[in-house]
Amino acid sequence: MDENLAPEKRHSFLHGDQKVFDWDQTLEEVNMYIPLPTNAPPKIFYCKIQSKHVEVGIKGNPPYLNHDLACPVKTDSSFWTLEDGTMHITLQKRDKRQTWSSPISGQGQLDPYATDLEQRRLMLQRFQEENLGFDFSQAQFTGNCPDPRTFMGGIRCD
């Protein structure tokens, strides 16, 4: 993926005024970044990824995050890691190239403007993947951006 078409910034999921996690997406995956309590041993954390559900917490306690996902994921290629005080969850989209407005179903949705910007970025990312050697990093759309899944015959599943 061209670095110029990578997510420019992460979106924040807030509960009240407290940040629960940050997230971003590419054509094929959604990434969640959950800050962990400081000085906590890594072995106490767990993450359970199901096709339409994610659960995160500390072993032996009620889950910190226990929600349905906005869209289904491929569980065999989704995973989580702990690094630098952050739990990084990589969710492999089942419906490749679908634009998610939030990882969590019905909560923390991006506003229509931010959703349109995400869809434009993902469409340019799709063009970049399908047309190697061309640079779409400065390309722009006028009007409404088409859905990357269906535009010009849909996606290639190579």
Protein backbone atom coordinates (compact mmCIF):
# COMPACT_ATOMS: atom_id res chain seq x y z
CA MET A 1 0.00 0.00 0.00
CA ASP A 2 1.28 3.46 -0.89
CA GLU A 3 2.13 5.33 2.32
CA ASN A 4 0.32 8.39 0.96
CA LEU A 5 -2.94 6.40 0.89
CA ALA A 6 -2.54 4.85 4.34
CA PRO A 7 -4.87 6.12 7.07
CA GLU A 8 -3.79 9.67 7.92
CA LYS A 9 -5.07 9.52 11.47
CA ARG A 10 -6.88 7.20 13.81
CA HIS A 11 -10.48 7.71 14.80
CA SER A 12 -11.28 7.75 18.52
CA PHE A 13 -14.13 5.82 20.13
CA LEU A 14 -15.26 7.71 23.22
CA HIS A 15 -17.56 6.82 26.11
CA GLY A 16 -18.57 10.14 27.59
CA ASP A 17 -15.31 12.06 27.55
CA GLN A 18 -13.09 9.00 28.05
CA LYS A 19 -11.29 7.40 25.11
CA VAL A 20 -12.00 3.66 24.94
CA PHE A 21 -9.91 2.95 21.82
CA ASP A 22 -8.60 4.37 18.56
CA TRP A 23 -9.16 2.70 15.21
CA ASP A 24 -8.36 2.92 11.51
CA GLN A 25 -8.95 0.81 8.42
CA THR A 26 -7.54 -0.27 5.10
CA LEU A 27 -9.28 -2.02 2.23
CA GLU A 28 -8.87 -5.40 3.92
CA GLU A 29 -8.73 -4.80 7.68
CA VAL A 30 -9.85 -2.72 10.63
CA ASN A 31 -7.33 -2.02 13.39
CA MET A 32 -8.29 -1.21 16.97
CA TYR A 33 -5.78 0.24 19.45
CA ILE A 34 -6.74 -0.08 23.12
CA PRO A 35 -4.55 1.66 25.73
CA LEU A 36 -3.70 -0.67 28.61
CA PRO A 37 -3.30 0.22 32.29
CA THR A 38 0.27 1.13 33.12
CA ASN A 39 2.45 -1.35 35.01
CA ALA A 40 0.01 -4.23 34.40
CA PRO A 41 1.63 -7.54 33.39
CA PRO A 42 0.76 -8.44 29.78
CA LYS A 43 -0.27 -12.00 30.62
CA ILE A 44 -3.44 -10.85 32.42
CA PHE A 45 -5.11 -9.47 29.27
CA TYR A 46 -7.22 -11.44 26.82
CA CYS A 47 -9.02 -10.82 23.54
CA LYS A 48 -11.65 -13.08 22.02
CA ILE A 49 -12.47 -12.42 18.35
CA GLN A 50 -15.57 -14.01 16.86
CA SER A 51 -17.11 -13.50 13.43
CA LYS A 52 -19.44 -10.73 14.64
CA HIS A 53 -18.24 -10.05 18.18
CA VAL A 54 -15.17 -8.91 20.11
CA GLU A 55 -14.44 -9.24 23.82
CA VAL A 56 -11.45 -7.70 25.61
CA GLY A 57 -10.58 -7.70 29.26
CA ILE A 58 -8.47 -8.78 32.20
CA LYS A 59 -8.68 -12.47 33.04
CA GLY A 60 -10.99 -13.16 35.99
CA ASN A 61 -12.84 -9.84 35.65
CA PRO A 62 -15.88 -8.66 33.67
CA PRO A 63 -14.88 -7.69 30.10
CA TYR A 64 -13.72 -4.14 29.42
CA LEU A 65 -15.11 -4.30 25.89
CA ASN A 66 -17.84 -6.77 24.95
CA HIS A 67 -19.63 -5.72 21.75
CA ASP A 68 -20.95 -6.89 18.43
CA LEU A 69 -18.86 -5.81 15.47
CA ALA A 70 -20.31 -3.51 12.81
CA CYS A 71 -19.54 -6.07 10.09
CA PRO A 72 -18.41 -9.72 10.06
CA VAL A 73 -14.71 -10.59 10.09
CA LYS A 74 -12.57 -13.57 9.12
CA THR A 75 -11.62 -15.08 12.46
CA ASP A 76 -8.85 -17.28 11.07
CA SER A 77 -6.87 -14.25 9.89
CA SER A 78 -7.81 -11.78 12.65
CA PHE A 79 -5.45 -11.48 15.62
CA TRP A 80 -4.28 -9.33 18.51
CA THR A 81 -0.94 -8.29 19.97
CA LEU A 82 0.32 -6.31 22.96
CA GLU A 83 2.98 -3.70 22.33
CA ASP A 84 4.14 -0.55 24.09
CA GLY A 85 1.18 -0.44 26.47
CA THR A 86 -1.40 -0.94 23.72
CA MET A 87 -3.52 -3.89 22.65
CA HIS A 88 -3.60 -3.87 18.84
CA ILE A 89 -6.49 -5.88 17.36
CA THR A 90 -6.40 -6.57 13.61
CA LEU A 91 -9.80 -7.58 12.23
CA GLN A 92 -9.71 -9.04 8.71
CA LYS A 93 -12.81 -7.80 6.85
CA ARG A 94 -14.97 -10.61 5.51
CA ASP A 95 -16.44 -8.22 2.92
CA LYS A 96 -13.18 -6.95 1.45
CA ARG A 97 -13.07 -3.25 0.70
CA GLN A 98 -16.23 -2.38 2.65
CA THR A 99 -16.00 1.01 4.35
CA TRP A 100 -16.74 0.69 8.07
CA SER A 101 -18.12 3.74 9.88
CA SER A 102 -17.21 2.15 13.25
CA PRO A 103 -15.83 -1.19 14.45
CA ILE A 104 -18.63 -1.47 17.05
CA SER A 105 -22.19 -2.04 15.86
CA GLY A 106 -24.41 0.98 16.43
CA GLN A 107 -21.89 2.98 18.45
CA GLY A 108 -19.30 5.64 17.73
CA GLN A 109 -20.27 6.02 14.09
CA LEU A 110 -18.25 8.44 11.98
CA ASP A 111 -20.20 11.45 10.83
CA PRO A 112 -21.22 11.47 7.14
CA TYR A 113 -18.35 13.78 6.15
CA ALA A 114 -15.70 11.57 7.83
CA THR A 115 -17.30 8.46 6.31
CA ASP A 116 -17.10 10.04 2.85
CA LEU A 117 -13.41 10.90 3.39
CA GLU A 118 -12.72 7.28 4.42
CA GLN A 119 -14.55 5.97 1.36
CA ARG A 120 -12.56 8.30 -0.93
CA ARG A 121 -9.27 7.17 0.62
CA LEU A 122 -10.22 3.50 0.28
CA MET A 123 -11.28 4.02 -3.35
CA LEU A 124 -7.89 5.57 -4.15
CA GLN A 125 -6.21 2.71 -2.31
CA ARG A 126 -8.17 0.28 -4.50
CA PHE A 127 -7.07 2.12 -7.67
CA GLN A 128 -3.45 1.99 -6.45
CA GLU A 129 -3.63 -1.78 -5.86
CA GLU A 130 -5.23 -2.47 -9.25
CA ASN A 131 -2.95 -0.16 -11.23
CA LEU A 132 0.58 -0.74 -10.01
CA GLY A 133 3.03 1.85 -11.19
CA PHE A 134 0.49 4.70 -11.11
CA ASP A 135 0.39 7.22 -8.29
CA PHE A 136 -3.13 8.05 -7.09
CA SER A 137 -2.01 9.81 -3.91
CA GLN A 138 -2.93 13.26 -5.27
CA ALA A 139 -6.11 12.16 -7.08
CA GLN A 140 -9.41 13.73 -6.09
CA PHE A 141 -13.07 12.91 -6.55
CA THR A 142 -15.71 15.47 -7.39
CA GLY A 143 -19.23 14.83 -6.16
CA ASN A 144 -20.16 11.66 -4.31
CA CYS A 145 -17.53 8.96 -4.06
CA PRO A 146 -18.66 5.57 -5.40
CA ASP A 147 -18.57 2.44 -3.28
CA PRO A 148 -15.17 0.72 -3.77
CA ARG A 149 -16.87 -2.72 -3.66
CA THR A 150 -19.10 -2.11 -6.68
CA PHE A 151 -17.49 0.65 -8.76
CA MET A 152 -16.54 -0.42 -12.31
CA GLY A 153 -17.50 -4.07 -11.95
CA GLY A 154 -16.52 -4.48 -8.32
CA ILE A 155 -13.36 -5.69 -6.70
CA ARG A 156 -10.84 -8.19 -7.88
CA CYS A 157 -10.32 -11.14 -5.58
CA ASP A 158 -6.86 -12.23 -6.70
